[in-house]
PDB file of N, CA and C in Angstrom:
ATOM      1  N   UNK A   1     131.941  90.803  76.272  1.00  0.00           N
ATOM      2  CA  UNK A   1     131.484  90.320  77.588  1.00  0.00           C
ATOM      3  C   UNK A   1     130.233  89.321  78.319  1.00  0.00           C
ATOM      4  N   UNK A   2     130.715  88.156  78.919  1.00  0.00           N
ATOM      5  CA  UNK A   2     129.718  87.544  78.586  1.00  0.00           C
ATOM      6  C   UNK A   2     129.489  86.791  80.094  1.00  0.00           C
ATOM      7  N   UNK A   3     127.903  86.540  80.539  1.00  0.00           N
ATOM      8  CA  UNK A   3     128.339  86.400  81.854  1.00  0.00           C
ATOM      9  C   UNK A   3     126.878  84.669  81.862  1.00  0.00           C
ATOM     10  N   UNK A   4     127.014  84.150  82.705  1.00  0.00           N
ATOM     11  CA  UNK A   4     126.235  82.804  82.472  1.00  0.00           C
ATOM     12  C   UNK A   4     126.116  82.433  84.020  1.00  0.00           C
ATOM     13  N   UNK A   5     124.875  81.740  84.119  1.00  0.00           N
ATOM     14  CA  UNK A   5     124.855  80.930  85.452  1.00  0.00           C
ATOM     15  C   UNK A   5     126.040  80.813  86.046  1.00  0.00           C
ATOM     16  N   UNK A   6     127.183  79.992  85.627  1.00  0.00           N
ATOM     17  CA  UNK A   6     128.388  79.951  86.490  1.00  0.00           C
ATOM     18  C   UNK A   6     129.728  81.143  87.148  1.00  0.00           C
ATOM     19  N   UNK A   7     129.359  82.074  85.876  1.00  0.00           N
ATOM     20  CA  UNK A   7     129.658  82.703  85.618  1.00  0.00           C
ATOM     21  C   UNK A   7     129.351  84.674  85.818  1.00  0.00           C
ATOM     22  N   UNK A   8     128.533  85.221  86.684  1.00  0.00           N
ATOM     23  CA  UNK A   8     127.612  85.471  87.060  1.00  0.00           C
ATOM     24  C   UNK A   8     129.238  87.506  87.682  1.00  0.00           C
ATOM     25  N   UNK A   9     127.898  88.408  87.528  1.00  0.00           N
ATOM     26  CA  UNK A   9     128.472  90.300  87.698  1.00  0.00           C
ATOM     27  C   UNK A   9     128.868  89.388  89.464  1.00  0.00           C
ATOM     28  N   UNK A  10     128.011  88.840  90.533  1.00  0.00           N
ATOM     29  CA  UNK A  10     128.363  88.386  91.605  1.00  0.00           C
ATOM     30  C   UNK A  10     129.152  88.190  91.871  1.00  0.00           C
ATOM     31  N   UNK A  11     129.681  86.634  91.233  1.00  0.00           N
ATOM     32  CA  UNK A  11     130.715  85.846  91.349  1.00  0.00           C
ATOM     33  C   UNK A  11     131.743  86.714  90.759  1.00  0.00           C
ATOM     34  N   UNK A  12     132.008  87.566  89.689  1.00  0.00           N
ATOM     35  CA  UNK A  12     132.695  87.803  89.302  1.00  0.00           C
ATOM     36  C   UNK A  12     133.723  89.189  90.586  1.00  0.00           C
ATOM     37  N   UNK A  13     132.640  89.481  90.931  1.00  0.00           N
ATOM     38  CA  UNK A  13     132.876  90.679  91.852  1.00  0.00           C
ATOM     39  C   UNK A  13     133.385  90.387  93.510  1.00  0.00           C
ATOM     40  N   UNK A  14     133.280  88.870  94.069  1.00  0.00           N
ATOM     41  CA  UNK A  14     133.860  88.120  94.769  1.00  0.00           C
ATOM     42  C   UNK A  14     132.503  87.460  95.655  1.00  0.00           C
ATOM     43  N   UNK A  15     131.257  87.681  95.378  1.00  0.00           N
ATOM     44  CA  UNK A  15     130.384  87.048  96.224  1.00  0.00           C
ATOM     45  C   UNK A  15     129.846  88.470  97.410  1.00  0.00           C
ATOM     46  N   UNK A  16     129.618  88.225  98.470  1.00  0.00           N
ATOM     47  CA  UNK A  16     128.531  89.122  99.369  1.00  0.00           C
ATOM     48  C   UNK A  16     129.421  89.939  99.556  1.00  0.00           C
ATOM     49  N   UNK A  17     130.241  89.502 100.123  1.00  0.00           N
ATOM     50  CA  UNK A  17     131.144  90.898 101.154  1.00  0.00           C
ATOM     51  C   UNK A  17     131.466  92.000 100.033  1.00  0.00           C
ATOM     52  N   UNK A  18     131.889  92.208  99.177  1.00  0.00           N
ATOM     53  CA  UNK A  18     132.133  92.596  98.109  1.00  0.00           C
ATOM     54  C   UNK A  18     131.004  93.726  97.962  1.00  0.00           C
ATOM     55  N   UNK A  19     130.024  92.799  97.682  1.00  0.00           N
ATOM     56  CA  UNK A  19     128.506  93.477  96.733  1.00  0.00           C
ATOM     57  C   UNK A  19     127.621  94.379  98.525  1.00  0.00           C
ATOM     58  N   UNK A  20     128.328  93.403  99.705  1.00  0.00           N
ATOM     59  CA  UNK A  20     127.463  94.286 100.708  1.00  0.00           C
ATOM     60  C   UNK A  20     128.831  96.031 100.877  1.00  0.00           C
ATOM     61  N   UNK A  21     130.187  96.260 100.336  1.00  0.00           N
ATOM     62  CA  UNK A  21     130.736  96.869 100.444  1.00  0.00           C
ATOM     63  C   UNK A  21     130.515  97.983  99.524  1.00  0.00           C
ATOM     64  N   UNK A  22     129.784  97.623  98.207  1.00  0.00           N
ATOM     65  CA  UNK A  22     129.227  97.917  97.217  1.00  0.00           C
ATOM     66  C   UNK A  22     128.089  98.938  98.077  1.00  0.00           C
ATOM     67  N   UNK A  23     126.858  98.254  98.727  1.00  0.00           N
ATOM     68  CA  UNK A  23     126.159  99.173  98.797  1.00  0.00           C
ATOM     69  C   UNK A  23     125.759  99.769 100.443  1.00  0.00           C
ATOM     70  N   UNK A  24     126.811  98.895 100.675  1.00  0.00           N
ATOM     71  CA  UNK A  24     127.142 100.342 102.253  1.00  0.00           C
ATOM     72  C   UNK A  24     127.846 101.591 101.509  1.00  0.00           C
ATOM     73  N   UNK A  25     128.878 101.345 100.690  1.00  0.00           N
ATOM     74  CA  UNK A  25     129.480 102.459 100.391  1.00  0.00           C
ATOM     75  C   UNK A  25     128.770 103.771  99.487  1.00  0.00           C
ATOM     76  N   UNK A  26     127.376 103.162  99.086  1.00  0.00           N
ATOM     77  CA  UNK A  26     126.260 103.354  98.053  1.00  0.00           C
ATOM     78  C   UNK A  26     125.850 104.451  98.860  1.00  0.00           C
ATOM     79  N   UNK A  27     125.409 104.734  99.843  1.00  0.00           N
ATOM     80  CA  UNK A  27     124.983 105.049 100.946  1.00  0.00           C
ATOM     81  C   UNK A  27     125.734 105.624 101.483  1.00  0.00           C
ATOM     82  N   UNK A  28     126.763 105.472 101.946  1.00  0.00           N
ATOM     83  CA  UNK A  28     127.956 106.275 102.591  1.00  0.00           C
ATOM     84  C   UNK A  28     128.107 107.524 101.733  1.00  0.00           C
ATOM     85  N   UNK A  29     128.103 107.742 100.036  1.00  0.00           N
ATOM     86  CA  UNK A  29     128.472 108.455 100.139  1.00  0.00           C
ATOM     87  C   UNK A  29     127.054 109.405 100.025  1.00  0.00           C
ATOM     88  N   UNK A  30     126.126 108.800  99.909  1.00  0.00           N
ATOM     89  CA  UNK A  30     124.446 109.743  99.765  1.00  0.00           C
ATOM     90  C   UNK A  30     124.543 110.633 100.800  1.00  0.00           C
ATOM     91  N   UNK A  31     124.771 109.672 102.132  1.00  0.00           N
ATOM     92  CA  UNK A  31     124.848 110.467 103.223  1.00  0.00           C
ATOM     93  C   UNK A  31     124.987 111.974 103.138  1.00  0.00           C
ATOM     94  N   UNK A  32     126.943 111.470 103.320  1.00  0.00           N
ATOM     95  CA  UNK A  32     127.453 112.537 102.979  1.00  0.00           C
ATOM     96  C   UNK A  32     128.033 113.657 102.936  1.00  0.00           C
ATOM     97  N   UNK A  33     127.959 113.283 101.085  1.00  0.00           N
ATOM     98  CA  UNK A  33     128.289 114.207 100.147  1.00  0.00           C
ATOM     99  C   UNK A  33     126.546 115.088  99.767  1.00  0.00           C
ATOM    100  N   UNK A  34     126.972 116.608 100.178  1.00  0.00           N
ATOM    101  CA  UNK A  34     125.968 117.480  99.788  1.00  0.00           C
ATOM    102  C   UNK A  34     125.681 117.152  97.869  1.00  0.00           C
ATOM    103  N   UNK A  35     126.416 116.495  96.751  1.00  0.00           N
ATOM    104  CA  UNK A  35     125.763 116.978  95.830  1.00  0.00           C
ATOM    105  C   UNK A  35     124.646 115.646  95.564  1.00  0.00           C
ATOM    106  N   UNK A  36     124.110 114.848  96.711  1.00  0.00           N
ATOM    107  CA  UNK A  36     123.734 113.971  96.479  1.00  0.00           C
ATOM    108  C   UNK A  36     121.896 114.586  97.702  1.00  0.00           C
ATOM    109  N   UNK A  37     121.963 115.920  97.706  1.00  0.00           N
ATOM    110  CA  UNK A  37     121.359 115.742  99.292  1.00  0.00           C
ATOM    111  C   UNK A  37     119.103 116.116  98.667  1.00  0.00           C
ATOM    112  N   UNK A  38     118.942 116.153  97.267  1.00  0.00           N
ATOM    113  CA  UNK A  38     117.845 115.840  96.892  1.00  0.00           C
ATOM    114  C   UNK A  38     117.451 114.195  96.639  1.00  0.00           C
ATOM    115  N   UNK A  39     118.526 113.457  97.097  1.00  0.00           N
ATOM    116  CA  UNK A  39     118.657 111.738  96.695  1.00  0.00           C
ATOM    117  C   UNK A  39     118.459 111.517  97.867  1.00  0.00           C
ATOM    118  N   UNK A  40     119.659 112.475  99.069  1.00  0.00           N
ATOM    119  CA  UNK A  40     119.696 111.909 100.419  1.00  0.00           C
ATOM    120  C   UNK A  40     117.958 111.917 100.817  1.00  0.00           C
ATOM    121  N   UNK A  41     116.845 113.426 100.703  1.00  0.00           N
ATOM    122  CA  UNK A  41     116.106 114.016 101.106  1.00  0.00           C
ATOM    123  C   UNK A  41     114.869 112.178 100.644  1.00  0.00           C
ATOM    124  N   UNK A  42     114.697 111.665  99.978  1.00  0.00           N
ATOM    125  CA  UNK A  42     113.957 110.725  99.886  1.00  0.00           C
ATOM    126  C   UNK A  42     113.948 109.408 100.442  1.00  0.00           C
ATOM    127  N   UNK A  43     114.769 109.787 101.283  1.00  0.00           N
ATOM    128  CA  UNK A  43     115.645 108.516 101.909  1.00  0.00           C
ATOM    129  C   UNK A  43     115.238 108.800 103.624  1.00  0.00           C
ATOM    130  N   UNK A  44     114.628 107.886 104.145  1.00  0.00           N
ATOM    131  CA  UNK A  44     114.495 108.027 105.928  1.00  0.00           C
ATOM    132  C   UNK A  44     115.787 109.110 106.759  1.00  0.00           C
ATOM    133  N   UNK A  45     115.724 109.051 107.754  1.00  0.00           N
ATOM    134  CA  UNK A  45     116.714 109.603 108.675  1.00  0.00           C
ATOM    135  C   UNK A  45     118.120 108.451 108.473  1.00  0.00           C
ATOM    136  N   UNK A  46     117.119 107.492 109.268  1.00  0.00           N
ATOM    137  CA  UNK A  46     118.423 106.113 109.548  1.00  0.00           C
ATOM    138  C   UNK A  46     118.223 105.704 108.440  1.00  0.00           C
ATOM    139  N   UNK A  47     119.155 105.142 107.764  1.00  0.00           N
ATOM    140  CA  UNK A  47     119.719 104.428 106.908  1.00  0.00           C
ATOM    141  C   UNK A  47     119.599 102.875 106.613  1.00  0.00           C
ATOM    142  N   UNK A  48     119.460 102.064 108.340  1.00  0.00           N
ATOM    143  CA  UNK A  48     119.922 100.911 108.385  1.00  0.00           C
ATOM    144  C   UNK A  48     119.374  99.860 107.518  1.00  0.00           C
ATOM    145  N   UNK A  49     117.431 100.162 107.380  1.00  0.00           N
ATOM    146  CA  UNK A  49     117.107  99.425 106.523  1.00  0.00           C
ATOM    147  C   UNK A  49     116.975  99.232 105.170  1.00  0.00           C
ATOM    148  N   UNK A  50     117.366 100.557 104.346  1.00  0.00           N
ATOM    149  CA  UNK A  50     117.689 100.661 103.512  1.00  0.00           C
ATOM    150  C   UNK A  50     118.736 100.577 102.915  1.00  0.00           C
ATOM    151  N   UNK A  51     120.062 100.087 103.374  1.00  0.00           N
ATOM    152  CA  UNK A  51     121.073  99.451 103.245  1.00  0.00           C
ATOM    153  C   UNK A  51     121.054  97.870 103.366  1.00  0.00           C
ATOM    154  N   UNK A  52     120.765  97.751 103.913  1.00  0.00           N
ATOM    155  CA  UNK A  52     119.895  96.301 104.126  1.00  0.00           C
ATOM    156  C   UNK A  52     119.190  95.818 103.187  1.00  0.00           C
ATOM    157  N   UNK A  53     118.350  95.977 102.475  1.00  0.00           N
ATOM    158  CA  UNK A  53     117.707  95.803 101.319  1.00  0.00           C
ATOM    159  C   UNK A  53     118.209  95.750  99.845  1.00  0.00           C
ATOM    160  N   UNK A  54     118.871  97.141  99.817  1.00  0.00           N
ATOM    161  CA  UNK A  54     119.672  96.915  98.554  1.00  0.00           C
ATOM    162  C   UNK A  54     120.644  96.304  98.612  1.00  0.00           C
ATOM    163  N   UNK A  55     121.281  95.586 100.413  1.00  0.00           N
ATOM    164  CA  UNK A  55     121.995  94.733  99.535  1.00  0.00           C
ATOM    165  C   UNK A  55     121.568  93.928  99.426  1.00  0.00           C
ATOM    166  N   UNK A  56     120.569  93.248 100.178  1.00  0.00           N
ATOM    167  CA  UNK A  56     119.604  91.703  99.400  1.00  0.00           C
ATOM    168  C   UNK A  56     119.455  91.673  98.066  1.00  0.00           C
ATOM    169  N   UNK A  57     119.020  93.237  98.104  1.00  0.00           N
ATOM    170  CA  UNK A  57     118.464  93.039  96.583  1.00  0.00           C
ATOM    171  C   UNK A  57     119.782  93.067  95.502  1.00  0.00           C
ATOM    172  N   UNK A  58     121.011  93.707  95.570  1.00  0.00           N
ATOM    173  CA  UNK A  58     121.610  93.759  94.943  1.00  0.00           C
ATOM    174  C   UNK A  58     122.730  92.150  94.673  1.00  0.00           C
ATOM    175  N   UNK A  59     122.256  91.677  95.643  1.00  0.00           N
ATOM    176  CA  UNK A  59     122.965  89.964  95.802  1.00  0.00           C
ATOM    177  C   UNK A  59     122.180  89.225  94.618  1.00  0.00           C
ATOM    178  N   UNK A  60     120.995  89.440  94.917  1.00  0.00           N
ATOM    179  CA  UNK A  60     120.234  88.955  93.282  1.00  0.00           C
ATOM    180  C   UNK A  60     120.034  89.503  92.036  1.00  0.00           C
ATOM    181  N   UNK A  61     120.296  90.368  92.017  1.00  0.00           N
ATOM    182  CA  UNK A  61     119.804  91.177  90.576  1.00  0.00           C
ATOM    183  C   UNK A  61     121.459  90.914  90.168  1.00  0.00           C
ATOM    184  N   UNK A  62     122.354  90.915  90.659  1.00  0.00           N
ATOM    185  CA  UNK A  62     124.261  90.558  90.464  1.00  0.00           C
ATOM    186  C   UNK A  62     124.481  89.099  89.616  1.00  0.00           C
ATOM    187  N   UNK A  63     122.764  87.540  89.852  1.00  0.00           N
ATOM    188  CA  UNK A  63     123.031  86.777  90.548  1.00  0.00           C
ATOM    189  C   UNK A  63     123.511  86.004  91.024  1.00  0.00           C
ATOM    190  N   UNK A  64     123.560  86.441  91.980  1.00  0.00           N
ATOM    191  CA  UNK A  64     123.838  85.900  93.582  1.00  0.00           C
ATOM    192  C   UNK A  64     122.537  85.595  93.627  1.00  0.00           C
ATOM    193  N   UNK A  65     122.502  84.902  95.647  1.00  0.00           N
ATOM    194  CA  UNK A  65     121.596  84.749  96.448  1.00  0.00           C
ATOM    195  C   UNK A  65     120.200  85.282  96.313  1.00  0.00           C
ATOM    196  N   UNK A  66     118.760  84.860  95.800  1.00  0.00           N
ATOM    197  CA  UNK A  66     118.034  85.469  95.695  1.00  0.00           C
ATOM    198  C   UNK A  66     117.053  86.103  97.548  1.00  0.00           C
ATOM    199  N   UNK A  67     117.949  86.731  98.432  1.00  0.00           N
ATOM    200  CA  UNK A  67     117.941  87.068  99.305  1.00  0.00           C
ATOM    201  C   UNK A  67     116.381  88.148  99.689  1.00  0.00           C
ATOM    202  N   UNK A  68     116.340  88.538  98.571  1.00  0.00           N
ATOM    203  CA  UNK A  68     114.836  89.745  99.165  1.00  0.00           C
ATOM    204  C   UNK A  68     114.271  89.420  98.388  1.00  0.00           C
ATOM    205  N   UNK A  69     113.936  88.575  97.530  1.00  0.00           N
ATOM    206  CA  UNK A  69     112.516  88.186  96.939  1.00  0.00           C
ATOM    207  C   UNK A  69     112.425  87.501  98.255  1.00  0.00           C
ATOM    208  N   UNK A  70     113.246  85.706  98.391  1.00  0.00           N
ATOM    209  CA  UNK A  70     113.314  85.585  99.497  1.00  0.00           C
ATOM    210  C   UNK A  70     112.611  85.926 100.895  1.00  0.00           C
ATOM    211  N   UNK A  71     113.112  87.475 101.208  1.00  0.00           N
ATOM    212  CA  UNK A  71     112.343  87.967 102.121  1.00  0.00           C
ATOM    213  C   UNK A  71     111.091  88.891 102.519  1.00  0.00           C
ATOM    214  N   UNK A  72     111.149  89.271 101.134  1.00  0.00           N
ATOM    215  CA  UNK A  72     110.385  90.636 100.553  1.00  0.00           C
ATOM    216  C   UNK A  72     109.489  90.562  99.214  1.00  0.00           C
ATOM    217  N   UNK A  73     109.598  89.076  98.925  1.00  0.00           N
ATOM    218  CA  UNK A  73     108.775  89.344  97.420  1.00  0.00           C
ATOM    219  C   UNK A  73     109.437  89.807  96.400  1.00  0.00           C
ATOM    220  N   UNK A  74     108.798  89.353  94.783  1.00  0.00           N
ATOM    221  CA  UNK A  74     109.438  89.892  94.093  1.00  0.00           C
ATOM    222  C   UNK A  74     109.369  91.084  94.340  1.00  0.00           C
ATOM    223  N   UNK A  75     111.148  92.017  93.529  1.00  0.00           N
ATOM    224  CA  UNK A  75     111.188  93.025  93.732  1.00  0.00           C
ATOM    225  C   UNK A  75     110.251  93.959  93.780  1.00  0.00           C
ATOM    226  N   UNK A  76     109.877  94.168  92.849  1.00  0.00           N
ATOM    227  CA  UNK A  76     108.580  95.596  91.886  1.00  0.00           C
ATOM    228  C   UNK A  76     108.855  96.778  91.958  1.00  0.00           C
ATOM    229  N   UNK A  77     110.611  96.952  91.766  1.00  0.00           N
ATOM    230  CA  UNK A  77     110.992  98.735  91.650  1.00  0.00           C
ATOM    231  C   UNK A  77     110.456  99.505  91.097  1.00  0.00           C
ATOM    232  N   UNK A  78     109.347  99.588  90.595  1.00  0.00           N
ATOM    233  CA  UNK A  78     108.247 101.069  89.640  1.00  0.00           C
ATOM    234  C   UNK A  78     107.513 100.926  90.700  1.00  0.00           C
ATOM    235  N   UNK A  79     107.286  99.980  91.402  1.00  0.00           N
ATOM    236  CA  UNK A  79     105.315  99.933  92.130  1.00  0.00           C
ATOM    237  C   UNK A  79     106.719 100.637  93.347  1.00  0.00           C
ATOM    238  N   UNK A  80     107.579 100.111  93.951  1.00  0.00           N
ATOM    239  CA  UNK A  80     107.955 100.413  95.056  1.00  0.00           C
ATOM    240  C   UNK A  80     108.383 101.670  95.416  1.00  0.00           C
ATOM    241  N   UNK A  81     109.185 102.252  94.404  1.00  0.00           N
ATOM    242  CA  UNK A  81     109.559 103.420  94.482  1.00  0.00           C
ATOM    243  C   UNK A  81     108.432 104.674  93.323  1.00  0.00           C
ATOM    244  N   UNK A  82     107.155 104.358  94.007  1.00  0.00           N
ATOM    245  CA  UNK A  82     105.933 104.554  92.751  1.00  0.00           C
ATOM    246  C   UNK A  82     105.977 106.364  93.600  1.00  0.00           C
ATOM    247  N   UNK A  83     106.405 106.202  95.354  1.00  0.00           N
ATOM    248  CA  UNK A  83     105.446 107.033  95.501  1.00  0.00           C
ATOM    249  C   UNK A  83     106.938 108.055  95.790  1.00  0.00           C
ATOM    250  N   UNK A  84     107.643 107.845  95.202  1.00  0.00           N
ATOM    251  CA  UNK A  84     109.034 108.999  95.716  1.00  0.00           C
ATOM    252  C   UNK A  84     109.273 109.980  93.963  1.00  0.00           C
ATOM    253  N   UNK A  85     109.006 111.134  93.378  1.00  0.00           N
ATOM    254  CA  UNK A  85     109.682 111.858  92.858  1.00  0.00           C
ATOM    255  C   UNK A  85     110.762 111.450  92.244  1.00  0.00           C
ATOM    256  N   UNK A  86     110.676 111.138  91.272  1.00  0.00           N
ATOM    257  CA  UNK A  86     112.555 110.545  90.497  1.00  0.00           C
ATOM    258  C   UNK A  86     112.451 110.997  89.325  1.00  0.00           C
ATOM    259  N   UNK A  87     113.230 112.136  88.812  1.00  0.00           N
ATOM    260  CA  UNK A  87     113.082 112.739  87.996  1.00  0.00           C
ATOM    261  C   UNK A  87     114.608 112.877  87.191  1.00  0.00           C
ATOM    262  N   UNK A  88     115.469 113.198  86.342  1.00  0.00           N
ATOM    263  CA  UNK A  88     116.484 112.998  85.690  1.00  0.00           C
ATOM    264  C   UNK A  88     117.666 113.589  87.063  1.00  0.00           C
ATOM    265  N   UNK A  89     117.312 114.343  87.454  1.00  0.00           N
ATOM    266  CA  UNK A  89     117.907 114.832  88.272  1.00  0.00           C
ATOM    267  C   UNK A  89     117.890 114.104  89.170  1.00  0.00           C
ATOM    268  N   UNK A  90     117.159 113.439  90.160  1.00  0.00           N
ATOM    269  CA  UNK A  90     117.189 112.053  91.372  1.00  0.00           C
ATOM    270  C   UNK A  90     117.961 110.890  90.839  1.00  0.00           C
ATOM    271  N   UNK A  91     117.506 110.712  89.191  1.00  0.00           N
ATOM    272  CA  UNK A  91     118.694 109.342  88.478  1.00  0.00           C
ATOM    273  C   UNK A  91     120.099 109.523  88.357  1.00  0.00           C
ATOM    274  N   UNK A  92     119.789 111.247  87.388  1.00  0.00           N
ATOM    275  CA  UNK A  92     121.444 111.202  87.877  1.00  0.00           C
ATOM    276  C   UNK A  92     122.103 111.489  89.129  1.00  0.00           C
ATOM    277  N   UNK A  93     121.697 111.160  89.976  1.00  0.00           N
ATOM    278  CA  UNK A  93     122.682 111.556  91.286  1.00  0.00           C
ATOM    279  C   UNK A  93     122.778 110.004  91.967  1.00  0.00           C
ATOM    280  N   UNK A  94     121.493 109.739  91.615  1.00  0.00           N
ATOM    281  CA  UNK A  94     121.964 108.027  91.925  1.00  0.00           C
ATOM    282  C   UNK A  94     122.612 107.627  90.903  1.00  0.00           C
ATOM    283  N   UNK A  95     122.435 107.342  89.768  1.00  0.00           N
ATOM    284  CA  UNK A  95     124.209 106.869  88.795  1.00  0.00           C
ATOM    285  C   UNK A  95     125.248 107.814  89.529  1.00  0.00           C
ATOM    286  N   UNK A  96     125.439 108.895  89.987  1.00  0.00           N
ATOM    287  CA  UNK A  96     127.470 108.959  90.596  1.00  0.00           C
ATOM    288  C   UNK A  96     127.121 108.879  91.550  1.00  0.00           C
ATOM    289  N   UNK A  97     126.546 108.663  92.546  1.00  0.00           N
ATOM    290  CA  UNK A  97     126.914 108.283  94.037  1.00  0.00           C
ATOM    291  C   UNK A  97     127.077 106.195  93.609  1.00  0.00           C
ATOM    292  N   UNK A  98     126.687 105.924  92.855  1.00  0.00           N
ATOM    293  CA  UNK A  98     126.760 104.112  91.938  1.00  0.00           C
ATOM    294  C   UNK A  98     127.698 104.505  91.772  1.00  0.00           C
ATOM    295  N   UNK A  99     128.567 105.892  90.698  1.00  0.00           N
ATOM    296  CA  UNK A  99     129.658 105.265  90.363  1.00  0.00           C
ATOM    297  C   UNK A  99     130.395 105.798  91.530  1.00  0.00           C
ATOM    298  N   UNK A 100     130.411 106.302  92.256  1.00  0.00           N
ATOM    299  CA  UNK A 100     131.507 106.957  93.458  1.00  0.00           C
ATOM    300  C   UNK A 100     131.786 105.381  94.201  1.00  0.00           C
ATOM    301  N   UNK A 101     130.752 104.979  94.217  1.00  0.00           N
ATOM    302  CA  UNK A 101     131.059 103.631  95.323  1.00  0.00           C
ATOM    303  C   UNK A 101     131.575 102.585  94.064  1.00  0.00           C
ATOM    304  N   UNK A 102     131.301 102.272  93.091  1.00  0.00           N
ATOM    305  CA  UNK A 102     132.137 101.669  92.384  1.00  0.00           C
ATOM    306  C   UNK A 102     133.791 101.428  92.414  1.00  0.00           C
ATOM    307  N   UNK A 103     133.351 102.938  92.344  1.00  0.00           N
ATOM    308  CA  UNK A 103     135.018 103.688  92.742  1.00  0.00           C
ATOM    309  C   UNK A 103     135.651 103.270  93.195  1.00  0.00           C
ATOM    310  N   UNK A 104     135.008 103.235  94.278  1.00  0.00           N
ATOM    311  CA  UNK A 104     135.719 103.477  96.001  1.00  0.00           C
ATOM    312  C   UNK A 104     136.088 101.699  95.730  1.00  0.00           C
ATOM    313  N   UNK A 105     135.191 100.886  95.688  1.00  0.00           N
ATOM    314  CA  UNK A 105     135.622  99.340  96.277  1.00  0.00           C
ATOM    315  C   UNK A 105     136.234  99.074  94.032  1.00  0.00           C
ATOM    316  N   UNK A 106     136.901  99.545  93.252  1.00  0.00           N
ATOM    317  CA  UNK A 106     137.987  99.118  92.365  1.00  0.00           C
ATOM    318  C   UNK A 106     136.947  98.512  91.301  1.00  0.00           C
ATOM    319  N   UNK A 107     135.751  98.909  91.192  1.00  0.00           N
ATOM    320  CA  UNK A 107     135.151  98.246  90.476  1.00  0.00           C
ATOM    321  C   UNK A 107     135.630  98.309  88.775  1.00  0.00           C
ATOM    322  N   UNK A 108     136.139  97.353  88.209  1.00  0.00           N
ATOM    323  CA  UNK A 108     136.680  98.079  87.154  1.00  0.00           C
ATOM    324  C   UNK A 108     136.435  96.944  85.963  1.00  0.00           C
ATOM    325  N   UNK A 109     137.055  97.309  84.735  1.00  0.00           N
ATOM    326  CA  UNK A 109     137.382  96.234  83.077  1.00  0.00           C
ATOM    327  C   UNK A 109     135.327  95.608  82.740  1.00  0.00           C
ATOM    328  N   UNK A 110     135.565  93.992  82.394  1.00  0.00           N
ATOM    329  CA  UNK A 110     134.460  94.069  81.716  1.00  0.00           C
ATOM    330  C   UNK A 110     132.773  94.029  82.916  1.00  0.00           C
ATOM    331  N   UNK A 111     133.085  94.013  84.242  1.00  0.00           N
ATOM    332  CA  UNK A 111     132.209  93.759  84.966  1.00  0.00           C
ATOM    333  C   UNK A 111     131.594  94.872  85.441  1.00  0.00           C
ATOM    334  N   UNK A 112     132.509  96.342  85.357  1.00  0.00           N
ATOM    335  CA  UNK A 112     132.465  97.567  85.560  1.00  0.00           C
ATOM    336  C   UNK A 112     131.515  98.293  83.916  1.00  0.00           C
ATOM    337  N   UNK A 113     132.030  98.165  83.043  1.00  0.00           N
ATOM    338  CA  UNK A 113     131.759  98.151  81.724  1.00  0.00           C
ATOM    339  C   UNK A 113     130.153  98.158  82.013  1.00  0.00           C
ATOM    340  N   UNK A 114     129.831  96.641  82.336  1.00  0.00           N
ATOM    341  CA  UNK A 114     128.457  95.858  82.514  1.00  0.00           C
ATOM    342  C   UNK A 114     127.250  96.427  83.181  1.00  0.00           C
ATOM    343  N   UNK A 115     128.338  96.853  84.401  1.00  0.00           N
ATOM    344  CA  UNK A 115     127.503  97.041  85.626  1.00  0.00           C
ATOM    345  C   UNK A 115     126.934  98.882  84.980  1.00  0.00           C
ATOM    346  N   UNK A 116     127.295  99.553  84.386  1.00  0.00           N
ATOM    347  CA  UNK A 116     127.293 100.884  84.579  1.00  0.00           C
ATOM    348  C   UNK A 116     125.991 101.073  83.348  1.00  0.00           C
ATOM    349  N   UNK A 117     126.503 100.318  82.445  1.00  0.00           N
ATOM    350  CA  UNK A 117     125.098 100.385  82.041  1.00  0.00           C
ATOM    351  C   UNK A 117     124.121  99.720  81.464  1.00  0.00           C
ATOM    352  N   UNK A 118     124.006  98.779  82.714  1.00  0.00           N
ATOM    353  CA  UNK A 118     122.922  98.202  83.490  1.00  0.00           C
ATOM    354  C   UNK A 118     122.164  98.920  84.550  1.00  0.00           C
ATOM    355  N   UNK A 119     123.254  99.323  85.368  1.00  0.00           N
ATOM    356  CA  UNK A 119     122.606 100.864  86.314  1.00  0.00           C
ATOM    357  C   UNK A 119     121.847 101.522  85.730  1.00  0.00           C
ATOM    358  N   UNK A 120     122.618 102.357  84.704  1.00  0.00           N
ATOM    359  CA  UNK A 120     121.965 103.233  83.341  1.00  0.00           C
ATOM    360  C   UNK A 120     120.495 103.083  83.436  1.00  0.00           C
ATOM    361  N   UNK A 121     120.081 101.283  83.301  1.00  0.00           N
ATOM    362  CA  UNK A 121     119.360 101.230  82.364  1.00  0.00           C
ATOM    363  C   UNK A 121     118.208 101.136  83.231  1.00  0.00           C
ATOM    364  N   UNK A 122     118.132 100.284  84.355  1.00  0.00           N
ATOM    365  CA  UNK A 122     117.411 100.648  85.638  1.00  0.00           C
ATOM    366  C   UNK A 122     117.105 102.074  86.268  1.00  0.00           C
ATOM    367  N   UNK A 123     118.208 102.804  86.324  1.00  0.00           N
ATOM    368  CA  UNK A 123     117.662 103.807  86.859  1.00  0.00           C
ATOM    369  C   UNK A 123     117.255 105.067  85.953  1.00  0.00           C
ATOM    370  N   UNK A 124     116.780 104.560  84.769  1.00  0.00           N
ATOM    371  CA  UNK A 124     116.406 105.255  83.780  1.00  0.00           C
ATOM    372  C   UNK A 124     114.979 104.990  83.626  1.00  0.00           C
ATOM    373  N   UNK A 125     114.847 103.438  83.920  1.00  0.00           N
ATOM    374  CA  UNK A 125     113.329 103.315  84.193  1.00  0.00           C
ATOM    375  C   UNK A 125     112.166 103.835  85.365  1.00  0.00           C
ATOM    376  N   UNK A 126     113.518 103.690  86.580  1.00  0.00           N
ATOM    377  CA  UNK A 126     112.624 104.171  87.412  1.00  0.00           C
ATOM    378  C   UNK A 126     112.270 105.545  87.234  1.00  0.00           C
ATOM    379  N   UNK A 127     112.203 106.125  86.790  1.00  0.00           N
ATOM    380  CA  UNK A 127     111.909 108.158  85.710  1.00  0.00           C
ATOM    381  C   UNK A 127     110.023 107.665  86.466  1.00  0.00           C
ATOM    382  N   UNK A 128     109.772 108.473  86.605  1.00  0.00           N
ATOM    383  CA  UNK A 128     108.667 108.661  87.100  1.00  0.00           C
ATOM    384  C   UNK A 128     107.777 110.024  87.238  1.00  0.00           C
ATOM    385  N   UNK A 129     108.611 110.969  86.743  1.00  0.00           N
ATOM    386  CA  UNK A 129     108.497 111.990  86.773  1.00  0.00           C
ATOM    387  C   UNK A 129     109.500 113.401  85.571  1.00  0.00           C
TER     388      UNK A 129
END
């Protein structure tokens, strides 16, 4: 599986609309599924800003427009997440929630394999407990 500047995961997924849907479904699952309660409790009651920042981040991270960087600067993921206790349970809930969102979006094939591996790497990197 190869991606390059013209064929990025962002492009393969279909651009902004599918990426927005993925971000929204991630937060929908997290908000309504009790099995993600530990993860949900790390977020503010109103998820509007979290959803938007995640969408902006995903666009750039997947090889599309760098909206997050333009608006908020470098993501500095570990620094921005340092105040939150992230251990194996939180990591696993995040990955499960993202898998549910990708399933609902119908993300499959080479882009799914790529995203599963990439999300797992980043989620493990975010652990601070």
